[in-house]
Amino acid sequence: MQDLCDNFAQHVFVVSSVSGGSLGSAVFSSLTQESAKNGAAVPCKTGPQRGHGPFERAAENVLSRDLLSPVIWATLFPDFLQRFIPYPFPKLDRGYTLELAFEDTWTYLKGTKKNYLQGSFFGMCGNTPADCAKSAPVIPSIPSVS
């Protein structure tokens, strides 16, 4: 939609999603931080479009990466080991490995200034939660990892 309507992201206030949709929403929000700027109203493109636009190509580049293999590896080895250790080590959890896989997918996107999927959730749009209120689209949920 962003490729067809240059003003689409500035009209989206909030995205509500669950599970894998949350990852897609985080990627969309991150891409808008990088390349969708608020501007004067521009009519949407109409008629049949040839090929994919830059937003769709960027999202596909990030989201087409293998996220299952790292989780399977973490389930078979570090997470399995954690079952026998009475003290919790968060970095042995397969959810931690999934988070790292999310962060790693962004590195395949060329020409971006920073990895928006790395670090704090609020870091996607600013240094504080108040900065996120000024940014659109806002994503109120974090991808579930369990």
N, C-alpha and C. Protein backbone atom coordinates (compact mmCIF):
# COMPACT_ATOMS: atom_id res chain seq x y z
N MET A 1 0.82 -1.18 0.00
CA MET A 1 0.00 0.00 0.00
C MET A 1 0.87 1.25 0.00
N GLN A 2 1.97 1.23 0.77
CA GLN A 2 2.87 2.39 0.82
C GLN A 2 3.46 2.69 -0.55
N ASP A 3 3.73 1.65 -1.34
CA ASP A 3 4.27 1.88 -2.68
C ASP A 3 3.26 2.54 -3.60
N LEU A 4 1.98 2.25 -3.40
CA LEU A 4 0.95 2.84 -4.24
C LEU A 4 0.55 4.24 -3.78
N CYS A 5 0.57 4.48 -2.49
CA CYS A 5 0.16 5.77 -1.92
C CYS A 5 1.29 6.32 -1.06
N ASP A 6 1.99 7.31 -1.58
CA ASP A 6 3.15 7.86 -0.86
C ASP A 6 2.79 8.41 0.51
N ASN A 7 1.53 8.80 0.72
CA ASN A 7 1.10 9.38 1.99
C ASN A 7 0.48 8.34 2.93
N PHE A 8 0.51 7.07 2.57
CA PHE A 8 -0.16 6.04 3.37
C PHE A 8 0.33 6.01 4.82
N ALA A 9 1.63 5.94 5.04
CA ALA A 9 2.18 5.79 6.39
C ALA A 9 1.83 6.98 7.29
N GLN A 10 1.75 8.18 6.74
CA GLN A 10 1.44 9.32 7.58
C GLN A 10 -0.02 9.35 8.01
N HIS A 11 -0.84 8.49 7.42
CA HIS A 11 -2.24 8.39 7.82
C HIS A 11 -2.51 7.19 8.71
N VAL A 12 -1.50 6.38 8.96
CA VAL A 12 -1.63 5.23 9.85
C VAL A 12 -1.17 5.67 11.23
N PHE A 13 -2.07 5.60 12.21
CA PHE A 13 -1.69 6.00 13.56
C PHE A 13 -1.18 4.82 14.37
N VAL A 14 -1.87 3.69 14.26
CA VAL A 14 -1.51 2.55 15.10
C VAL A 14 -1.72 1.26 14.30
N VAL A 15 -0.89 0.27 14.58
CA VAL A 15 -1.02 -1.06 13.98
C VAL A 15 -1.19 -2.05 15.12
N SER A 16 -2.26 -2.81 15.09
CA SER A 16 -2.49 -3.83 16.11
C SER A 16 -2.32 -5.19 15.45
N SER A 17 -1.48 -6.04 16.06
CA SER A 17 -1.21 -7.33 15.44
C SER A 17 -0.81 -8.35 16.49
N VAL A 18 -0.77 -9.60 16.08
CA VAL A 18 -0.32 -10.68 16.95
C VAL A 18 0.63 -11.58 16.18
N SER A 19 1.51 -12.24 16.92
CA SER A 19 2.41 -13.26 16.41
C SER A 19 3.23 -12.77 15.22
N GLY A 20 3.22 -13.48 14.12
CA GLY A 20 4.02 -13.12 12.96
C GLY A 20 3.62 -11.79 12.36
N GLY A 21 2.35 -11.41 12.51
CA GLY A 21 1.91 -10.10 12.03
C GLY A 21 2.61 -8.97 12.76
N SER A 22 3.00 -9.23 14.00
CA SER A 22 3.74 -8.23 14.77
C SER A 22 5.12 -7.99 14.16
N LEU A 23 5.74 -9.04 13.68
CA LEU A 23 7.03 -8.88 13.01
C LEU A 23 6.85 -8.07 11.73
N GLY A 24 5.84 -8.40 10.97
CA GLY A 24 5.55 -7.63 9.75
C GLY A 24 5.25 -6.18 10.06
N SER A 25 4.51 -5.93 11.13
CA SER A 25 4.20 -4.56 11.54
C SER A 25 5.46 -3.82 11.97
N ALA A 26 6.34 -4.50 12.70
CA ALA A 26 7.59 -3.88 13.13
C ALA A 26 8.47 -3.54 11.93
N VAL A 27 8.50 -4.41 10.94
CA VAL A 27 9.27 -4.16 9.73
C VAL A 27 8.68 -2.96 8.99
N PHE A 28 7.36 -2.91 8.84
CA PHE A 28 6.72 -1.78 8.17
C PHE A 28 7.01 -0.47 8.91
N SER A 29 6.86 -0.48 10.22
CA SER A 29 7.12 0.72 11.00
C SER A 29 8.58 1.14 10.87
N SER A 30 9.48 0.18 10.88
CA SER A 30 10.91 0.49 10.73
C SER A 30 11.21 1.08 9.36
N LEU A 31 10.61 0.50 8.33
CA LEU A 31 10.83 1.03 6.98
C LEU A 31 10.28 2.44 6.84
N THR A 32 9.16 2.72 7.50
CA THR A 32 8.61 4.08 7.42
C THR A 32 9.52 5.07 8.13
N GLN A 33 10.17 4.65 9.22
CA GLN A 33 11.10 5.54 9.91
C GLN A 33 12.25 5.92 8.97
N GLU A 34 12.62 5.00 8.13
CA GLU A 34 13.77 5.19 7.24
C GLU A 34 13.41 5.97 5.98
N SER A 35 12.26 5.67 5.38
CA SER A 35 12.04 6.23 4.05
C SER A 35 10.66 6.78 3.74
N ALA A 36 9.74 6.81 4.68
CA ALA A 36 8.43 7.42 4.41
C ALA A 36 8.34 8.71 5.20
N LYS A 37 8.35 9.80 4.49
CA LYS A 37 8.32 11.10 5.15
C LYS A 37 6.96 11.76 4.96
N ASN A 38 6.53 12.48 5.99
CA ASN A 38 5.28 13.23 5.88
C ASN A 38 5.45 14.31 4.82
N GLY A 39 4.42 14.51 4.05
CA GLY A 39 4.49 15.51 2.99
C GLY A 39 3.11 15.93 2.55
N ALA A 40 3.10 16.76 1.57
CA ALA A 40 1.83 17.23 1.01
C ALA A 40 1.09 16.06 0.36
N ALA A 41 -0.23 16.19 0.29
CA ALA A 41 -1.06 15.13 -0.29
C ALA A 41 -0.68 14.89 -1.75
N VAL A 42 -0.49 13.63 -2.06
CA VAL A 42 -0.17 13.19 -3.42
C VAL A 42 -1.17 12.10 -3.77
N PRO A 43 -1.78 12.17 -4.95
CA PRO A 43 -2.74 11.11 -5.31
C PRO A 43 -2.06 9.75 -5.40
N CYS A 44 -2.82 8.72 -5.06
CA CYS A 44 -2.31 7.35 -5.15
C CYS A 44 -2.19 6.93 -6.61
N LYS A 45 -1.29 6.02 -6.88
CA LYS A 45 -1.13 5.48 -8.23
C LYS A 45 -2.32 4.57 -8.50
N THR A 46 -2.86 4.65 -9.67
CA THR A 46 -4.00 3.81 -10.03
C THR A 46 -3.63 2.96 -11.24
N GLY A 47 -4.47 1.99 -11.49
CA GLY A 47 -4.24 1.12 -12.63
C GLY A 47 -3.27 0.00 -12.28
N PRO A 48 -3.06 -0.91 -13.21
CA PRO A 48 -2.15 -2.03 -12.94
C PRO A 48 -0.71 -1.53 -12.77
N GLN A 49 -0.03 -2.08 -11.79
CA GLN A 49 1.35 -1.71 -11.51
C GLN A 49 2.26 -2.86 -11.93
N ARG A 50 3.38 -2.53 -12.49
CA ARG A 50 4.33 -3.56 -12.91
C ARG A 50 5.41 -3.71 -11.86
N GLY A 51 5.65 -4.93 -11.43
CA GLY A 51 6.71 -5.20 -10.48
C GLY A 51 6.37 -4.76 -9.06
N HIS A 52 7.31 -4.92 -8.19
CA HIS A 52 7.15 -4.56 -6.79
C HIS A 52 7.79 -3.20 -6.55
N GLY A 53 7.18 -2.43 -5.65
CA GLY A 53 7.74 -1.14 -5.30
C GLY A 53 8.85 -1.30 -4.28
N PRO A 54 9.54 -0.20 -3.94
CA PRO A 54 10.68 -0.28 -3.03
C PRO A 54 10.31 -0.76 -1.62
N PHE A 55 9.14 -0.37 -1.11
CA PHE A 55 8.74 -0.83 0.23
C PHE A 55 8.49 -2.33 0.23
N GLU A 56 7.78 -2.81 -0.78
CA GLU A 56 7.48 -4.24 -0.85
C GLU A 56 8.75 -5.06 -1.02
N ARG A 57 9.68 -4.59 -1.85
CA ARG A 57 10.95 -5.31 -2.03
C ARG A 57 11.75 -5.35 -0.74
N ALA A 58 11.79 -4.22 -0.03
CA ALA A 58 12.55 -4.17 1.22
C ALA A 58 11.92 -5.10 2.27
N ALA A 59 10.60 -5.06 2.40
CA ALA A 59 9.91 -5.93 3.37
C ALA A 59 10.12 -7.40 3.01
N GLU A 60 10.02 -7.72 1.74
CA GLU A 60 10.24 -9.11 1.31
C GLU A 60 11.67 -9.55 1.58
N ASN A 61 12.61 -8.66 1.38
CA ASN A 61 14.02 -8.97 1.63
C ASN A 61 14.26 -9.31 3.09
N VAL A 62 13.61 -8.58 3.99
CA VAL A 62 13.77 -8.82 5.43
C VAL A 62 12.99 -10.06 5.87
N LEU A 63 11.74 -10.17 5.44
CA LEU A 63 10.84 -11.21 5.94
C LEU A 63 11.01 -12.57 5.26
N SER A 64 11.78 -12.64 4.18
CA SER A 64 11.94 -13.93 3.49
C SER A 64 13.10 -14.75 4.05
N ARG A 65 13.73 -14.28 5.07
CA ARG A 65 14.86 -15.00 5.68
C ARG A 65 14.37 -16.16 6.53
N ASP A 66 15.22 -17.15 6.69
CA ASP A 66 14.91 -18.34 7.49
C ASP A 66 14.95 -18.00 8.98
N LEU A 67 13.79 -18.03 9.64
CA LEU A 67 13.72 -17.79 11.08
C LEU A 67 13.49 -19.08 11.85
N LEU A 68 13.19 -20.16 11.16
CA LEU A 68 12.90 -21.43 11.82
C LEU A 68 14.16 -22.20 12.22
N SER A 69 15.15 -22.24 11.37
CA SER A 69 16.36 -23.02 11.67
C SER A 69 17.06 -22.59 12.96
N PRO A 70 17.25 -21.28 13.20
CA PRO A 70 17.88 -20.90 14.47
C PRO A 70 17.07 -21.34 15.69
N VAL A 71 15.75 -21.29 15.58
CA VAL A 71 14.91 -21.68 16.71
C VAL A 71 14.98 -23.20 16.94
N ILE A 72 15.00 -23.96 15.87
CA ILE A 72 15.13 -25.41 16.01
C ILE A 72 16.47 -25.75 16.66
N TRP A 73 17.55 -25.10 16.19
CA TRP A 73 18.87 -25.33 16.78
C TRP A 73 18.84 -25.00 18.27
N ALA A 74 18.26 -23.85 18.62
CA ALA A 74 18.22 -23.43 20.03
C ALA A 74 17.37 -24.37 20.87
N THR A 75 16.33 -24.93 20.30
CA THR A 75 15.49 -25.88 21.03
C THR A 75 16.24 -27.17 21.32
N LEU A 76 17.02 -27.63 20.36
CA LEU A 76 17.74 -28.89 20.52
C LEU A 76 18.98 -28.80 21.39
N PHE A 77 19.58 -27.64 21.47
CA PHE A 77 20.84 -27.55 22.21
C PHE A 77 20.75 -26.63 23.44
N PRO A 78 20.86 -25.30 23.34
CA PRO A 78 20.90 -24.50 24.57
C PRO A 78 19.61 -24.56 25.39
N ASP A 79 18.44 -24.54 24.74
CA ASP A 79 17.19 -24.60 25.49
C ASP A 79 17.03 -25.95 26.17
N PHE A 80 17.44 -27.01 25.50
CA PHE A 80 17.39 -28.35 26.08
C PHE A 80 18.32 -28.46 27.29
N LEU A 81 19.51 -27.88 27.18
CA LEU A 81 20.47 -27.86 28.28
C LEU A 81 19.88 -27.13 29.49
N GLN A 82 19.13 -26.06 29.23
CA GLN A 82 18.54 -25.27 30.32
C GLN A 82 17.58 -26.12 31.17
N ARG A 83 16.98 -27.12 30.60
CA ARG A 83 16.06 -27.99 31.33
C ARG A 83 16.74 -28.72 32.49
N PHE A 84 18.05 -28.89 32.42
CA PHE A 84 18.78 -29.62 33.44
C PHE A 84 19.53 -28.71 34.42
N ILE A 85 19.49 -27.42 34.18
CA ILE A 85 20.16 -26.45 35.05
C ILE A 85 19.09 -25.74 35.87
N PRO A 86 19.15 -25.81 37.20
CA PRO A 86 18.09 -25.22 38.02
C PRO A 86 18.06 -23.69 38.01
N TYR A 87 19.15 -23.06 37.65
CA TYR A 87 19.20 -21.60 37.62
C TYR A 87 18.92 -21.12 36.18
N PRO A 88 18.02 -20.14 35.99
CA PRO A 88 17.69 -19.70 34.62
C PRO A 88 18.80 -18.86 33.99
N PHE A 89 19.11 -19.19 32.75
CA PHE A 89 20.02 -18.40 31.91
C PHE A 89 19.22 -17.92 30.71
N PRO A 90 18.80 -16.66 30.71
CA PRO A 90 17.94 -16.17 29.62
C PRO A 90 18.53 -16.34 28.23
N LYS A 91 19.82 -16.30 28.09
CA LYS A 91 20.43 -16.43 26.76
C LYS A 91 20.40 -17.86 26.25
N LEU A 92 20.03 -18.82 27.08
CA LEU A 92 19.88 -20.19 26.62
C LEU A 92 18.47 -20.45 26.09
N ASP A 93 17.56 -19.52 26.30
CA ASP A 93 16.17 -19.66 25.89
C ASP A 93 16.04 -19.54 24.37
N ARG A 94 15.21 -20.38 23.76
CA ARG A 94 15.03 -20.32 22.31
C ARG A 94 14.37 -19.01 21.87
N GLY A 95 13.64 -18.36 22.76
CA GLY A 95 13.05 -17.05 22.44
C GLY A 95 14.12 -16.00 22.21
N TYR A 96 15.19 -16.08 22.96
CA TYR A 96 16.32 -15.16 22.77
C TYR A 96 16.93 -15.36 21.39
N THR A 97 17.06 -16.60 20.97
CA THR A 97 17.60 -16.90 19.65
C THR A 97 16.69 -16.37 18.56
N LEU A 98 15.37 -16.45 18.77
CA LEU A 98 14.43 -15.90 17.80
C LEU A 98 14.58 -14.39 17.70
N GLU A 99 14.75 -13.72 18.82
CA GLU A 99 14.97 -12.27 18.80
C GLU A 99 16.22 -11.93 18.00
N LEU A 100 17.30 -12.68 18.21
CA LEU A 100 18.53 -12.45 17.46
C LEU A 100 18.32 -12.69 15.97
N ALA A 101 17.50 -13.69 15.63
CA ALA A 101 17.21 -13.96 14.22
C ALA A 101 16.44 -12.79 13.61
N PHE A 102 15.48 -12.21 14.38
CA PHE A 102 14.76 -11.03 13.89
C PHE A 102 15.75 -9.90 13.61
N GLU A 103 16.66 -9.65 14.55
CA GLU A 103 17.64 -8.58 14.39
C GLU A 103 18.53 -8.84 13.17
N ASP A 104 18.91 -10.09 12.99
CA ASP A 104 19.81 -10.44 11.90
C ASP A 104 19.17 -10.24 10.53
N THR A 105 17.86 -10.43 10.42
CA THR A 105 17.20 -10.26 9.12
C THR A 105 17.38 -8.86 8.57
N TRP A 106 17.45 -7.87 9.46
CA TRP A 106 17.56 -6.47 9.01
C TRP A 106 18.90 -6.22 8.32
N THR A 107 19.92 -7.00 8.67
CA THR A 107 21.25 -6.79 8.08
C THR A 107 21.27 -7.10 6.58
N TYR A 108 20.26 -7.83 6.09
CA TYR A 108 20.20 -8.14 4.66
C TYR A 108 19.60 -7.00 3.85
N LEU A 109 19.12 -5.97 4.51
CA LEU A 109 18.52 -4.82 3.84
C LEU A 109 19.63 -3.80 3.60
N LYS A 110 19.92 -3.53 2.36
CA LYS A 110 21.02 -2.64 2.01
C LYS A 110 20.57 -1.18 2.05
N GLY A 111 21.49 -0.31 2.42
CA GLY A 111 21.24 1.13 2.34
C GLY A 111 20.46 1.73 3.49
N THR A 112 20.30 1.02 4.59
CA THR A 112 19.59 1.60 5.73
C THR A 112 20.58 2.15 6.73
N LYS A 113 20.14 3.12 7.48
CA LYS A 113 21.03 3.79 8.42
C LYS A 113 21.26 2.99 9.69
N LYS A 114 20.22 2.36 10.21
CA LYS A 114 20.39 1.60 11.46
C LYS A 114 19.47 0.40 11.47
N ASN A 115 19.75 -0.53 12.36
CA ASN A 115 18.94 -1.73 12.52
C ASN A 115 17.83 -1.41 13.51
N TYR A 116 16.63 -1.18 13.01
CA TYR A 116 15.50 -0.79 13.85
C TYR A 116 14.97 -1.96 14.68
N LEU A 117 15.28 -3.18 14.30
CA LEU A 117 14.79 -4.34 15.04
C LEU A 117 15.73 -4.72 16.18
N GLN A 118 16.81 -3.99 16.33
CA GLN A 118 17.79 -4.28 17.37
C GLN A 118 17.60 -3.30 18.53
N GLY A 119 17.76 -3.79 19.73
CA GLY A 119 17.66 -2.91 20.90
C GLY A 119 16.24 -2.75 21.40
N SER A 120 16.00 -1.64 22.06
CA SER A 120 14.71 -1.38 22.70
C SER A 120 13.59 -1.21 21.68
N PHE A 121 12.41 -1.64 22.07
CA PHE A 121 11.23 -1.45 21.23
C PHE A 121 11.00 0.02 20.95
N PHE A 122 11.18 0.87 21.97
CA PHE A 122 10.97 2.30 21.79
C PHE A 122 12.08 2.93 20.96
N GLY A 123 13.19 2.25 20.84
CA GLY A 123 14.28 2.77 20.03
C GLY A 123 13.94 2.84 18.55
N MET A 124 12.86 2.17 18.13
CA MET A 124 12.44 2.21 16.74
C MET A 124 12.04 3.62 16.31
N CYS A 125 11.52 4.39 17.25
CA CYS A 125 11.00 5.70 16.86
C CYS A 125 11.61 6.86 17.63
N GLY A 126 12.45 6.60 18.59
CA GLY A 126 13.08 7.68 19.34
C GLY A 126 13.73 7.16 20.60
N ASN A 127 14.21 8.06 21.41
CA ASN A 127 14.90 7.67 22.63
C ASN A 127 13.97 7.44 23.81
N THR A 128 12.76 7.98 23.77
CA THR A 128 11.82 7.87 24.88
C THR A 128 10.45 7.44 24.36
N PRO A 129 9.58 6.93 25.25
CA PRO A 129 8.21 6.61 24.81
C PRO A 129 7.47 7.82 24.24
N ALA A 130 7.77 9.02 24.75
CA ALA A 130 7.10 10.22 24.25
C ALA A 130 7.46 10.46 22.78
N ASP A 131 8.67 10.12 22.37
CA ASP A 131 9.06 10.27 20.98
C ASP A 131 8.22 9.38 20.07
N CYS A 132 7.85 8.21 20.57
CA CYS A 132 7.03 7.29 19.77
C CYS A 132 5.64 7.86 19.53
N ALA A 133 5.14 8.64 20.47
CA ALA A 133 3.81 9.23 20.29
C ALA A 133 3.81 10.23 19.13
N LYS A 134 4.95 10.77 18.80
CA LYS A 134 5.06 11.73 17.70
C LYS A 134 5.30 11.04 16.37
N SER A 135 5.58 9.76 16.43
CA SER A 135 5.93 9.00 15.24
C SER A 135 4.76 8.14 14.80
N ALA A 136 4.60 7.93 13.53
CA ALA A 136 3.55 7.06 13.03
C ALA A 136 4.16 6.14 11.99
N PRO A 137 3.70 4.93 11.84
CA PRO A 137 2.70 4.29 12.68
C PRO A 137 3.30 3.77 13.99
N VAL A 138 2.47 3.79 15.00
CA VAL A 138 2.86 3.28 16.31
C VAL A 138 2.44 1.83 16.38
N ILE A 139 3.27 0.97 16.96
CA ILE A 139 2.95 -0.44 17.09
C ILE A 139 2.83 -0.75 18.58
N PRO A 140 1.61 -0.99 19.09
CA PRO A 140 1.45 -1.19 20.52
C PRO A 140 1.82 -2.57 21.01
N SER A 141 2.11 -3.51 20.14
CA SER A 141 2.44 -4.85 20.60
C SER A 141 3.84 -5.22 20.15
N ILE A 142 4.46 -6.12 20.90
CA ILE A 142 5.80 -6.59 20.58
C ILE A 142 5.65 -8.03 20.10
N PRO A 143 6.41 -8.44 19.07
CA PRO A 143 6.27 -9.82 18.61
C PRO A 143 6.46 -10.81 19.75
N SER A 144 5.54 -11.76 19.84
CA SER A 144 5.63 -12.75 20.91
C SER A 144 6.68 -13.78 20.57
N VAL A 145 7.47 -14.14 21.56
CA VAL A 145 8.50 -15.15 21.35
C VAL A 145 8.40 -16.19 22.46
N SER A 146 7.79 -17.30 22.13
CA SER A 146 7.72 -18.40 23.10
C SER A 146 7.40 -19.69 22.40
